[in-house]
């Protein structure tokens, strides 16, 4: 058996001491060295400042890493796999934040207290919509499969809020903190136990699971219902709709793209149609501005322009029945 490596052998990658302009580039190199060839992209296109940290602890035949970083989308596609082939499986345990994972046609959303599996030998995408913190256990594929995890288990997600998953998470966190005080065999045994508990939690069909993201057509219909119910809220936005439906903003946009539409244009159209319906029924007791505000429009001059562009006449003409 390989000797147990205490935290004194920990390798640390941190962007904190670098100038903001260099942080993201260093982060890209760091995660490629620590895990596998990856292509991270920031969510908003801004690449600095980007405070991030990876701490890698080596264990017998595996590594356990703490990852703390900012909102980003991480892709491992065919070019990265050709450049850096890997047979490792990553078991990620979310400590803070949320992520969307996609591999082999499966897509799931995970939050604090969940874990998921991705296979580095196949393409995958990880989306982190906000700052996050996680533990990443990297194991050879055959090792975790031998411990009871069905292979392949692409994008498999489970809760670690109870049972063996919770025990494994607690033991792994403790090993990161106290591992240096253990004898070599004690550390190796504790790590093996934690891996066994994780594999059992992932393989157990009765374990609490994380629901996969809905199919695109179903997501589109659900988003329409959210829009219809919340049209009066000026703050309703594509991001707010995605948050309510527990999907990534990118996935929501994809659902509407399949319908040859956009989220923003659909929301705007529904609001204009609601205004038009109210104007037809209202004999003039309420002002057009009040009706527009009740339908989620704040900028009244802009509303007037949008209404005319959409219907071919002004809101006032619509109310009186006049048509240009």
C-alpha atoms as a PDB file:
ATOM      1  CA  UNK A   1       0.000   0.000   0.000  1.00  0.00           C
ATOM      2  CA  UNK A   2       1.236   3.487  -0.805  1.00  0.00           C
ATOM      3  CA  UNK A   3       2.167   5.547   2.244  1.00  0.00           C
ATOM      4  CA  UNK A   4      -0.458   7.938   3.520  1.00  0.00           C
ATOM      5  CA  UNK A   5       0.312  11.572   2.673  1.00  0.00           C
ATOM      6  CA  UNK A   6      -0.502  14.019   5.472  1.00  0.00           C
ATOM      7  CA  UNK A   7      -1.579  17.616   4.761  1.00  0.00           C
ATOM      8  CA  UNK A   8       2.050  18.745   4.892  1.00  0.00           C
ATOM      9  CA  UNK A   9       2.239  17.497   1.280  1.00  0.00           C
ATOM     10  CA  UNK A  10      -0.760  19.574   0.305  1.00  0.00           C
ATOM     11  CA  UNK A  11      -0.427  21.506  -2.938  1.00  0.00           C
ATOM     12  CA  UNK A  12      -2.060  24.923  -2.943  1.00  0.00           C
ATOM     13  CA  UNK A  13      -3.132  27.008  -5.940  1.00  0.00           C
ATOM     14  CA  UNK A  14      -4.341  30.476  -5.009  1.00  0.00           C
ATOM     15  CA  UNK A  15      -5.029  33.570  -7.073  1.00  0.00           C
ATOM     16  CA  UNK A  16      -5.376  35.886  -4.070  1.00  0.00           C
ATOM     17  CA  UNK A  17      -1.808  37.168  -4.089  1.00  0.00           C
ATOM     18  CA  UNK A  18      -1.810  37.879  -7.842  1.00  0.00           C
ATOM     19  CA  UNK A  19      -2.828  41.095  -9.523  1.00  0.00           C
ATOM     20  CA  UNK A  20      -6.519  40.965 -10.591  1.00  0.00           C
ATOM     21  CA  UNK A  21      -5.582  40.991 -14.289  1.00  0.00           C
ATOM     22  CA  UNK A  22      -3.622  37.730 -13.894  1.00  0.00           C
ATOM     23  CA  UNK A  23      -5.998  35.829 -11.630  1.00  0.00           C
ATOM     24  CA  UNK A  24      -8.257  34.135 -14.173  1.00  0.00           C
ATOM     25  CA  UNK A  25      -5.386  32.994 -16.412  1.00  0.00           C
ATOM     26  CA  UNK A  26      -3.672  31.454 -13.398  1.00  0.00           C
ATOM     27  CA  UNK A  27      -6.940  29.828 -12.355  1.00  0.00           C
ATOM     28  CA  UNK A  28      -7.295  28.194 -15.775  1.00  0.00           C
ATOM     29  CA  UNK A  29      -3.791  26.732 -15.556  1.00  0.00           C
ATOM     30  CA  UNK A  30      -4.296  25.627 -11.950  1.00  0.00           C
ATOM     31  CA  UNK A  31      -7.438  23.557 -12.454  1.00  0.00           C
ATOM     32  CA  UNK A  32      -5.952  21.917 -15.541  1.00  0.00           C
ATOM     33  CA  UNK A  33      -2.903  20.871 -13.531  1.00  0.00           C
ATOM     34  CA  UNK A  34      -4.892  19.808 -10.467  1.00  0.00           C
ATOM     35  CA  UNK A  35      -7.647  17.850 -12.241  1.00  0.00           C
ATOM     36  CA  UNK A  36      -7.645  17.520 -16.039  1.00  0.00           C
ATOM     37  CA  UNK A  37      -7.621  19.675 -19.168  1.00  0.00           C
ATOM     38  CA  UNK A  38     -10.604  22.018 -18.758  1.00  0.00           C
ATOM     39  CA  UNK A  39     -11.903  25.179 -20.402  1.00  0.00           C
ATOM     40  CA  UNK A  40     -13.389  27.574 -17.817  1.00  0.00           C
ATOM     41  CA  UNK A  41     -15.345  30.641 -18.942  1.00  0.00           C
ATOM     42  CA  UNK A  42     -16.638  33.343 -16.633  1.00  0.00           C
ATOM     43  CA  UNK A  43     -20.388  33.853 -16.561  1.00  0.00           C
ATOM     44  CA  UNK A  44     -20.413  37.554 -17.374  1.00  0.00           C
ATOM     45  CA  UNK A  45     -17.300  37.705 -19.522  1.00  0.00           C
ATOM     46  CA  UNK A  46     -15.354  39.656 -16.869  1.00  0.00           C
ATOM     47  CA  UNK A  47     -12.131  37.879 -15.950  1.00  0.00           C
ATOM     48  CA  UNK A  48     -10.981  39.912 -12.960  1.00  0.00           C
ATOM     49  CA  UNK A  49     -10.878  40.090 -10.109  1.00  0.00           C
ATOM     50  CA  UNK A  50     -11.171  36.311  -9.722  1.00  0.00           C
ATOM     51  CA  UNK A  51     -10.202  35.208  -6.175  1.00  0.00           C
ATOM     52  CA  UNK A  52     -10.026  31.413  -6.165  1.00  0.00           C
ATOM     53  CA  UNK A  53      -8.354  28.579  -4.296  1.00  0.00           C
ATOM     54  CA  UNK A  54      -7.579  24.879  -4.793  1.00  0.00           C
ATOM     55  CA  UNK A  55      -5.953  22.765  -2.076  1.00  0.00           C
ATOM     56  CA  UNK A  56      -4.983  19.258  -3.218  1.00  0.00           C
ATOM     57  CA  UNK A  57      -4.248  16.523  -0.679  1.00  0.00           C
ATOM     58  CA  UNK A  58      -2.774  13.269  -2.084  1.00  0.00           C
ATOM     59  CA  UNK A  59      -4.130   9.966  -0.773  1.00  0.00           C
ATOM     60  CA  UNK A  60      -3.376   6.379  -1.811  1.00  0.00           C
ATOM     61  CA  UNK A  61      -4.395   6.213  -5.458  1.00  0.00           C
ATOM     62  CA  UNK A  62      -6.514   9.360  -5.250  1.00  0.00           C
ATOM     63  CA  UNK A  63      -6.640  13.050  -4.382  1.00  0.00           C
ATOM     64  CA  UNK A  64      -8.996  15.052  -2.212  1.00  0.00           C
ATOM     65  CA  UNK A  65      -9.263  18.737  -3.078  1.00  0.00           C
ATOM     66  CA  UNK A  66     -10.977  21.774  -1.661  1.00  0.00           C
ATOM     67  CA  UNK A  67     -12.148  24.065  -4.474  1.00  0.00           C
ATOM     68  CA  UNK A  68     -13.345  27.598  -3.822  1.00  0.00           C
ATOM     69  CA  UNK A  69     -14.038  29.909  -6.734  1.00  0.00           C
ATOM     70  CA  UNK A  70     -16.342  32.306  -8.563  1.00  0.00           C
ATOM     71  CA  UNK A  71     -19.235  32.002 -11.033  1.00  0.00           C
ATOM     72  CA  UNK A  72     -18.095  30.196 -14.185  1.00  0.00           C
ATOM     73  CA  UNK A  73     -18.860  27.560 -16.782  1.00  0.00           C
ATOM     74  CA  UNK A  74     -16.327  24.724 -17.017  1.00  0.00           C
ATOM     75  CA  UNK A  75     -16.202  22.554 -20.134  1.00  0.00           C
ATOM     76  CA  UNK A  76     -14.341  19.333 -20.795  1.00  0.00           C
ATOM     77  CA  UNK A  77     -14.953  18.568 -24.452  1.00  0.00           C
ATOM     78  CA  UNK A  78     -13.328  16.413 -27.138  1.00  0.00           C
ATOM     79  CA  UNK A  79     -10.308  18.739 -27.660  1.00  0.00           C
ATOM     80  CA  UNK A  80      -9.468  18.699 -23.947  1.00  0.00           C
ATOM     81  CA  UNK A  81      -9.911  14.909 -23.741  1.00  0.00           C
ATOM     82  CA  UNK A  82      -7.620  14.336 -26.744  1.00  0.00           C
ATOM     83  CA  UNK A  83      -5.003  16.632 -25.241  1.00  0.00           C
ATOM     84  CA  UNK A  84      -5.211  15.120 -21.764  1.00  0.00           C
ATOM     85  CA  UNK A  85      -6.825  11.655 -21.643  1.00  0.00           C
ATOM     86  CA  UNK A  86      -7.956  10.589 -18.174  1.00  0.00           C
ATOM     87  CA  UNK A  87      -9.664   7.564 -16.677  1.00  0.00           C
ATOM     88  CA  UNK A  88     -10.522   9.349 -13.439  1.00  0.00           C
ATOM     89  CA  UNK A  89     -13.926   9.879 -11.919  1.00  0.00           C
ATOM     90  CA  UNK A  90     -14.626  13.052  -9.953  1.00  0.00           C
ATOM     91  CA  UNK A  91     -17.001  12.877  -7.011  1.00  0.00           C
ATOM     92  CA  UNK A  92     -17.842  16.460  -6.059  1.00  0.00           C
ATOM     93  CA  UNK A  93     -19.502  17.299  -2.748  1.00  0.00           C
ATOM     94  CA  UNK A  94     -21.084  20.756  -2.609  1.00  0.00           C
ATOM     95  CA  UNK A  95     -20.205  22.639   0.575  1.00  0.00           C
ATOM     96  CA  UNK A  96     -21.621  26.013  -0.505  1.00  0.00           C
ATOM     97  CA  UNK A  97     -23.439  27.250  -3.587  1.00  0.00           C
ATOM     98  CA  UNK A  98     -25.072  25.348  -6.430  1.00  0.00           C
ATOM     99  CA  UNK A  99     -24.052  23.798  -9.749  1.00  0.00           C
ATOM    100  CA  UNK A 100     -25.565  22.433 -12.918  1.00  0.00           C
ATOM    101  CA  UNK A 101     -23.957  19.323 -14.337  1.00  0.00           C
ATOM    102  CA  UNK A 102     -24.385  17.833 -17.787  1.00  0.00           C
ATOM    103  CA  UNK A 103     -22.908  14.617 -19.169  1.00  0.00           C
ATOM    104  CA  UNK A 104     -24.070  11.968 -21.644  1.00  0.00           C
ATOM    105  CA  UNK A 105     -27.433  13.675 -22.129  1.00  0.00           C
ATOM    106  CA  UNK A 106     -28.207  13.869 -18.419  1.00  0.00           C
ATOM    107  CA  UNK A 107     -28.460  17.175 -16.596  1.00  0.00           C
ATOM    108  CA  UNK A 108     -28.976  17.854 -12.893  1.00  0.00           C
ATOM    109  CA  UNK A 109     -28.936  20.776 -10.498  1.00  0.00           C
ATOM    110  CA  UNK A 110     -27.153  20.264  -7.188  1.00  0.00           C
ATOM    111  CA  UNK A 111     -26.965  22.504  -4.155  1.00  0.00           C
ATOM    112  CA  UNK A 112     -25.322  22.633  -0.761  1.00  0.00           C
ATOM    113  CA  UNK A 113     -25.357  19.149   0.731  1.00  0.00           C
ATOM    114  CA  UNK A 114     -25.473  17.294  -2.608  1.00  0.00           C
ATOM    115  CA  UNK A 115     -22.812  15.317  -4.435  1.00  0.00           C
ATOM    116  CA  UNK A 116     -22.422  14.325  -8.064  1.00  0.00           C
ATOM    117  CA  UNK A 117     -20.182  12.227 -10.288  1.00  0.00           C
ATOM    118  CA  UNK A 118     -18.574  13.077 -13.606  1.00  0.00           C
ATOM    119  CA  UNK A 119     -16.377  10.820 -15.738  1.00  0.00           C
ATOM    120  CA  UNK A 120     -13.281  12.602 -17.055  1.00  0.00           C
ATOM    121  CA  UNK A 121     -13.042  10.211 -20.015  1.00  0.00           C
ATOM    122  CA  UNK A 122     -16.270  11.666 -21.461  1.00  0.00           C
ATOM    123  CA  UNK A 123     -17.282  15.270 -22.261  1.00  0.00           C
ATOM    124  CA  UNK A 124     -19.094  17.187 -19.535  1.00  0.00           C
ATOM    125  CA  UNK A 125     -20.124  20.706 -18.541  1.00  0.00           C
ATOM    126  CA  UNK A 126     -20.266  22.237 -15.058  1.00  0.00           C
ATOM    127  CA  UNK A 127     -22.057  25.537 -14.537  1.00  0.00           C
ATOM    128  CA  UNK A 128     -21.573  27.504 -11.337  1.00  0.00           C
ATOM    129  CA  UNK A 129     -23.947  30.510 -11.411  1.00  0.00           C
ATOM    130  CA  UNK A 130     -22.472  32.056  -8.259  1.00  0.00           C
ATOM    131  CA  UNK A 131     -19.430  31.678  -5.980  1.00  0.00           C
ATOM    132  CA  UNK A 132     -19.119  28.134  -4.655  1.00  0.00           C
ATOM    133  CA  UNK A 133     -17.088  25.808  -2.455  1.00  0.00           C
ATOM    134  CA  UNK A 134     -16.798  22.040  -2.868  1.00  0.00           C
ATOM    135  CA  UNK A 135     -14.739  18.961  -2.065  1.00  0.00           C
ATOM    136  CA  UNK A 136     -13.523  17.015  -5.094  1.00  0.00           C
ATOM    137  CA  UNK A 137     -12.552  13.367  -4.696  1.00  0.00           C
ATOM    138  CA  UNK A 138     -10.641  12.149  -7.769  1.00  0.00           C
ATOM    139  CA  UNK A 139     -10.377   8.374  -8.157  1.00  0.00           C
ATOM    140  CA  UNK A 140      -9.430   5.990 -10.957  1.00  0.00           C
ATOM    141  CA  UNK A 141     -12.595   4.838 -12.667  1.00  0.00           C
ATOM    142  CA  UNK A 142     -12.025   1.168 -11.913  1.00  0.00           C
ATOM    143  CA  UNK A 143     -11.478   1.862  -8.234  1.00  0.00           C
ATOM    144  CA  UNK A 144     -14.804   3.531  -7.574  1.00  0.00           C
ATOM    145  CA  UNK A 145     -16.613   1.026  -9.795  1.00  0.00           C
ATOM    146  CA  UNK A 146     -15.089  -1.781  -7.739  1.00  0.00           C
ATOM    147  CA  UNK A 147     -16.514  -0.176  -4.617  1.00  0.00           C
ATOM    148  CA  UNK A 148     -20.083  -0.527  -5.824  1.00  0.00           C
ATOM    149  CA  UNK A 149     -20.738   2.533  -7.957  1.00  0.00           C
ATOM    150  CA  UNK A 150     -22.489   1.542 -11.182  1.00  0.00           C
ATOM    151  CA  UNK A 151     -20.349   2.450 -14.170  1.00  0.00           C
ATOM    152  CA  UNK A 152     -20.849   4.527 -16.119  1.00  0.00           C
ATOM    153  CA  UNK A 153     -22.718   6.852 -13.755  1.00  0.00           C
ATOM    154  CA  UNK A 154     -22.691  10.071 -15.740  1.00  0.00           C
ATOM    155  CA  UNK A 155     -24.005  13.141 -13.917  1.00  0.00           C
ATOM    156  CA  UNK A 156     -25.288  10.910 -11.119  1.00  0.00           C
ATOM    157  CA  UNK A 157     -26.375  13.110  -8.223  1.00  0.00           C
ATOM    158  CA  UNK A 158     -27.281  12.219  -4.648  1.00  0.00           C
ATOM    159  CA  UNK A 159     -27.939  14.083  -1.432  1.00  0.00           C
ATOM    160  CA  UNK A 160     -25.357  13.789   1.342  1.00  0.00           C
ATOM    161  CA  UNK A 161     -27.581  15.394   3.962  1.00  0.00           C
ATOM    162  CA  UNK A 162     -28.148  12.062   5.708  1.00  0.00           C
ATOM    163  CA  UNK A 163     -26.990   8.454   5.925  1.00  0.00           C
ATOM    164  CA  UNK A 164     -23.655   7.166   4.679  1.00  0.00           C
ATOM    165  CA  UNK A 165     -23.165  10.113   2.375  1.00  0.00           C
ATOM    166  CA  UNK A 166     -23.251  12.501   5.327  1.00  0.00           C
ATOM    167  CA  UNK A 167     -20.871  10.268   7.286  1.00  0.00           C
ATOM    168  CA  UNK A 168     -18.449  10.149   4.350  1.00  0.00           C
ATOM    169  CA  UNK A 169     -18.526  13.918   3.951  1.00  0.00           C
ATOM    170  CA  UNK A 170     -17.811  14.411   7.653  1.00  0.00           C
ATOM    171  CA  UNK A 171     -14.920  11.942   7.585  1.00  0.00           C
ATOM    172  CA  UNK A 172     -13.341  13.497   4.484  1.00  0.00           C
ATOM    173  CA  UNK A 173     -13.555  16.980   5.957  1.00  0.00           C
ATOM    174  CA  UNK A 174     -11.979  15.751   9.163  1.00  0.00           C
ATOM    175  CA  UNK A 175      -9.179  14.024   7.258  1.00  0.00           C
ATOM    176  CA  UNK A 176      -8.314  17.339   5.595  1.00  0.00           C
ATOM    177  CA  UNK A 177      -8.066  18.995   9.003  1.00  0.00           C
ATOM    178  CA  UNK A 178      -6.553  16.276  11.153  1.00  0.00           C
ATOM    179  CA  UNK A 179      -4.927  13.853   8.715  1.00  0.00           C
ATOM    180  CA  UNK A 180      -1.409  14.875   9.657  1.00  0.00           C
ATOM    181  CA  UNK A 181      -1.941  13.570  13.196  1.00  0.00           C
ATOM    182  CA  UNK A 182      -2.791  10.056  12.003  1.00  0.00           C
ATOM    183  CA  UNK A 183      -0.419   7.183  11.445  1.00  0.00           C
ATOM    184  CA  UNK A 184       0.009   6.160   7.797  1.00  0.00           C
ATOM    185  CA  UNK A 185      -2.182   3.078   8.064  1.00  0.00           C
ATOM    186  CA  UNK A 186      -4.839   4.914  10.074  1.00  0.00           C
ATOM    187  CA  UNK A 187      -5.106   7.659   7.440  1.00  0.00           C
ATOM    188  CA  UNK A 188      -5.270   5.165   4.582  1.00  0.00           C
ATOM    189  CA  UNK A 189      -7.933   3.120   6.384  1.00  0.00           C
ATOM    190  CA  UNK A 190     -10.042   6.192   7.167  1.00  0.00           C
ATOM    191  CA  UNK A 191      -9.847   7.347   3.560  1.00  0.00           C
ATOM    192  CA  UNK A 192     -10.846   3.887   2.292  1.00  0.00           C
ATOM    193  CA  UNK A 193     -13.849   3.874   4.634  1.00  0.00           C
ATOM    194  CA  UNK A 194     -14.979   7.292   3.415  1.00  0.00           C
ATOM    195  CA  UNK A 195     -14.706   6.139  -0.214  1.00  0.00           C
ATOM    196  CA  UNK A 196     -16.718   3.026   0.565  1.00  0.00           C
ATOM    197  CA  UNK A 197     -19.471   5.068   2.221  1.00  0.00           C
ATOM    198  CA  UNK A 198     -19.604   7.450  -0.741  1.00  0.00           C
ATOM    199  CA  UNK A 199     -19.825   4.595  -3.227  1.00  0.00           C
ATOM    200  CA  UNK A 200     -22.575   2.966  -1.163  1.00  0.00           C
ATOM    201  CA  UNK A 201     -24.536   6.232  -0.975  1.00  0.00           C
ATOM    202  CA  UNK A 202     -24.241   6.750  -4.727  1.00  0.00           C
ATOM    203  CA  UNK A 203     -25.182   3.161  -5.575  1.00  0.00           C
ATOM    204  CA  UNK A 204     -28.107   2.922  -3.136  1.00  0.00           C
ATOM    205  CA  UNK A 205     -31.375   3.314  -5.130  1.00  0.00           C
ATOM    206  CA  UNK A 206     -33.164   4.243  -1.905  1.00  0.00           C
ATOM    207  CA  UNK A 207     -30.788   7.107  -1.148  1.00  0.00           C
ATOM    208  CA  UNK A 208     -32.170  10.634  -1.533  1.00  0.00           C
ATOM    209  CA  UNK A 209     -31.583  11.627  -5.133  1.00  0.00           C
ATOM    210  CA  UNK A 210     -31.311  14.939  -6.899  1.00  0.00           C
ATOM    211  CA  UNK A 211     -33.957  15.398  -9.575  1.00  0.00           C
ATOM    212  CA  UNK A 212     -32.600  15.856 -13.097  1.00  0.00           C
ATOM    213  CA  UNK A 213     -33.404  19.014 -14.999  1.00  0.00           C
ATOM    214  CA  UNK A 214     -36.644  18.801 -17.000  1.00  0.00           C
ATOM    215  CA  UNK A 215     -36.694  18.188 -20.770  1.00  0.00           C
ATOM    216  CA  UNK A 216     -36.536  21.365 -22.824  1.00  0.00           C
ATOM    217  CA  UNK A 217     -40.163  21.303 -24.016  1.00  0.00           C
ATOM    218  CA  UNK A 218     -41.429  20.769 -20.477  1.00  0.00           C
ATOM    219  CA  UNK A 219     -39.148  23.516 -19.170  1.00  0.00           C
ATOM    220  CA  UNK A 220     -40.514  25.944 -21.802  1.00  0.00           C
ATOM    221  CA  UNK A 221     -44.110  25.223 -20.730  1.00  0.00           C
ATOM    222  CA  UNK A 222     -43.250  25.608 -17.058  1.00  0.00           C
ATOM    223  CA  UNK A 223     -41.479  28.907 -17.744  1.00  0.00           C
ATOM    224  CA  UNK A 224     -44.574  30.217 -19.540  1.00  0.00           C
ATOM    225  CA  UNK A 225     -46.674  29.400 -16.482  1.00  0.00           C
ATOM    226  CA  UNK A 226     -44.245  31.276 -14.235  1.00  0.00           C
ATOM    227  CA  UNK A 227     -44.406  34.278 -16.554  1.00  0.00           C
ATOM    228  CA  UNK A 228     -48.208  34.270 -16.610  1.00  0.00           C
ATOM    229  CA  UNK A 229     -48.431  34.086 -12.829  1.00  0.00           C
ATOM    230  CA  UNK A 230     -45.820  36.788 -12.189  1.00  0.00           C
ATOM    231  CA  UNK A 231     -46.376  39.295 -15.004  1.00  0.00           C
ATOM    232  CA  UNK A 232     -47.223  42.048 -12.520  1.00  0.00           C
ATOM    233  CA  UNK A 233     -43.744  41.878 -10.954  1.00  0.00           C
ATOM    234  CA  UNK A 234     -41.402  44.416 -12.582  1.00  0.00           C
ATOM    235  CA  UNK A 235     -38.387  42.528 -11.235  1.00  0.00           C
ATOM    236  CA  UNK A 236     -39.355  39.321 -13.065  1.00  0.00           C
ATOM    237  CA  UNK A 237     -36.455  38.573 -15.396  1.00  0.00           C
ATOM    238  CA  UNK A 238     -34.954  35.571 -17.207  1.00  0.00           C
ATOM    239  CA  UNK A 239     -32.579  35.080 -14.269  1.00  0.00           C
ATOM    240  CA  UNK A 240     -35.462  35.140 -11.760  1.00  0.00           C
ATOM    241  CA  UNK A 241     -37.424  32.613 -13.832  1.00  0.00           C
ATOM    242  CA  UNK A 242     -34.414  30.291 -14.042  1.00  0.00           C
ATOM    243  CA  UNK A 243     -33.940  30.549 -10.272  1.00  0.00           C
ATOM    244  CA  UNK A 244     -37.575  29.640  -9.581  1.00  0.00           C
ATOM    245  CA  UNK A 245     -37.396  26.656 -11.925  1.00  0.00           C
ATOM    246  CA  UNK A 246     -34.033  25.570 -10.453  1.00  0.00           C
ATOM    247  CA  UNK A 247     -32.239  25.462 -13.802  1.00  0.00           C
ATOM    248  CA  UNK A 248     -29.336  27.429 -15.189  1.00  0.00           C
ATOM    249  CA  UNK A 249     -30.003  30.578 -17.183  1.00  0.00           C
ATOM    250  CA  UNK A 250     -28.230  29.016 -20.159  1.00  0.00           C
ATOM    251  CA  UNK A 251     -30.520  25.962 -20.045  1.00  0.00           C
ATOM    252  CA  UNK A 252     -33.591  28.215 -19.877  1.00  0.00           C
ATOM    253  CA  UNK A 253     -32.392  30.175 -22.915  1.00  0.00           C
ATOM    254  CA  UNK A 254     -31.841  26.890 -24.754  1.00  0.00           C
ATOM    255  CA  UNK A 255     -35.421  25.794 -24.041  1.00  0.00           C
ATOM    256  CA  UNK A 256     -36.779  28.972 -25.638  1.00  0.00           C
ATOM    257  CA  UNK A 257     -34.329  28.798 -28.543  1.00  0.00           C
ATOM    258  CA  UNK A 258     -35.833  25.396 -29.405  1.00  0.00           C
ATOM    259  CA  UNK A 259     -39.155  27.254 -29.772  1.00  0.00           C
ATOM    260  CA  UNK A 260     -37.532  29.908 -32.031  1.00  0.00           C
ATOM    261  CA  UNK A 261     -38.003  32.494 -29.293  1.00  0.00           C
ATOM    262  CA  UNK A 262     -36.111  34.191 -26.480  1.00  0.00           C
ATOM    263  CA  UNK A 263     -37.010  34.430 -22.817  1.00  0.00           C
ATOM    264  CA  UNK A 264     -37.011  38.231 -22.796  1.00  0.00           C
ATOM    265  CA  UNK A 265     -39.109  38.627 -25.965  1.00  0.00           C
ATOM    266  CA  UNK A 266     -41.661  36.075 -24.752  1.00  0.00           C
ATOM    267  CA  UNK A 267     -41.983  37.813 -21.383  1.00  0.00           C
ATOM    268  CA  UNK A 268     -42.349  41.180 -23.104  1.00  0.00           C
ATOM    269  CA  UNK A 269     -44.988  39.820 -25.493  1.00  0.00           C
ATOM    270  CA  UNK A 270     -47.028  38.306 -22.663  1.00  0.00           C
ATOM    271  CA  UNK A 271     -46.946  41.604 -20.768  1.00  0.00           C
ATOM    272  CA  UNK A 272     -48.076  43.543 -23.838  1.00  0.00           C
ATOM    273  CA  UNK A 273     -50.907  41.098 -24.479  1.00  0.00           C
ATOM    274  CA  UNK A 274     -52.047  41.415 -20.860  1.00  0.00           C
ATOM    275  CA  UNK A 275     -52.043  45.220 -21.228  1.00  0.00           C
ATOM    276  CA  UNK A 276     -54.053  44.977 -24.443  1.00  0.00           C
ATOM    277  CA  UNK A 277     -56.673  42.766 -22.784  1.00  0.00           C
ATOM    278  CA  UNK A 278     -57.075  45.169 -19.860  1.00  0.00           C
ATOM    279  CA  UNK A 279     -57.293  48.200 -22.172  1.00  0.00           C
ATOM    280  CA  UNK A 280     -60.078  46.572 -24.147  1.00  0.00           C
ATOM    281  CA  UNK A 281     -62.084  45.904 -20.987  1.00  0.00           C
ATOM    282  CA  UNK A 282     -61.323  49.163 -19.169  1.00  0.00           C
ATOM    283  CA  UNK A 283     -63.642  52.052 -20.145  1.00  0.00           C
ATOM    284  CA  UNK A 284     -61.119  54.652 -19.020  1.00  0.00           C
ATOM    285  CA  UNK A 285     -61.273  54.653 -15.239  1.00  0.00           C
ATOM    286  CA  UNK A 286     -57.544  53.910 -14.968  1.00  0.00           C
ATOM    287  CA  UNK A 287     -54.714  55.632 -16.732  1.00  0.00           C
ATOM    288  CA  UNK A 288     -52.685  53.824 -19.364  1.00  0.00           C
ATOM    289  CA  UNK A 289     -49.581  54.337 -17.229  1.00  0.00           C
ATOM    290  CA  UNK A 290     -51.240  52.589 -14.255  1.00  0.00           C
ATOM    291  CA  UNK A 291     -52.253  49.643 -16.408  1.00  0.00           C
ATOM    292  CA  UNK A 292     -48.761  49.379 -17.854  1.00  0.00           C
ATOM    293  CA  UNK A 293     -47.223  49.398 -14.391  1.00  0.00           C
ATOM    294  CA  UNK A 294     -49.627  46.678 -13.258  1.00  0.00           C
ATOM    295  CA  UNK A 295     -48.310  44.542 -16.106  1.00  0.00           C
ATOM    296  CA  UNK A 296     -44.677  44.980 -15.088  1.00  0.00           C
ATOM    297  CA  UNK A 297     -43.665  48.005 -17.189  1.00  0.00           C
ATOM    298  CA  UNK A 298     -41.824  50.773 -15.348  1.00  0.00           C
ATOM    299  CA  UNK A 299     -40.588  52.921 -18.228  1.00  0.00           C
ATOM    300  CA  UNK A 300     -43.867  54.259 -19.671  1.00  0.00           C
ATOM    301  CA  UNK A 301     -42.419  55.981 -22.788  1.00  0.00           C
ATOM    302  CA  UNK A 302     -40.653  52.717 -23.647  1.00  0.00           C
ATOM    303  CA  UNK A 303     -43.912  50.831 -23.055  1.00  0.00           C
ATOM    304  CA  UNK A 304     -45.684  53.148 -25.510  1.00  0.00           C
ATOM    305  CA  UNK A 305     -43.057  52.435 -28.186  1.00  0.00           C
ATOM    306  CA  UNK A 306     -43.130  48.677 -27.580  1.00  0.00           C
ATOM    307  CA  UNK A 307     -46.937  48.590 -27.705  1.00  0.00           C
ATOM    308  CA  UNK A 308     -47.092  50.450 -31.024  1.00  0.00           C
ATOM    309  CA  UNK A 309     -44.367  48.267 -32.516  1.00  0.00           C
ATOM    310  CA  UNK A 310     -46.155  45.084 -31.374  1.00  0.00           C
ATOM    311  CA  UNK A 311     -49.767  45.949 -32.296  1.00  0.00           C
ATOM    312  CA  UNK A 312     -49.343  48.649 -34.922  1.00  0.00           C
ATOM    313  CA  UNK A 313     -51.204  51.324 -32.963  1.00  0.00           C
ATOM    314  CA  UNK A 314     -50.901  53.187 -29.654  1.00  0.00           C
ATOM    315  CA  UNK A 315     -52.367  52.032 -26.329  1.00  0.00           C
ATOM    316  CA  UNK A 316     -54.840  54.940 -26.483  1.00  0.00           C
ATOM    317  CA  UNK A 317     -56.022  53.909 -29.947  1.00  0.00           C
ATOM    318  CA  UNK A 318     -56.359  50.342 -28.729  1.00  0.00           C
ATOM    319  CA  UNK A 319     -58.573  51.457 -25.855  1.00  0.00           C
ATOM    320  CA  UNK A 320     -60.911  53.549 -28.043  1.00  0.00           C
ATOM    321  CA  UNK A 321     -61.016  50.984 -30.822  1.00  0.00           C
ATOM    322  CA  UNK A 322     -59.341  53.265 -33.330  1.00  0.00           C
ATOM    323  CA  UNK A 323     -56.826  51.598 -35.630  1.00  0.00           C
ATOM    324  CA  UNK A 324     -54.309  53.399 -37.807  1.00  0.00           C
END
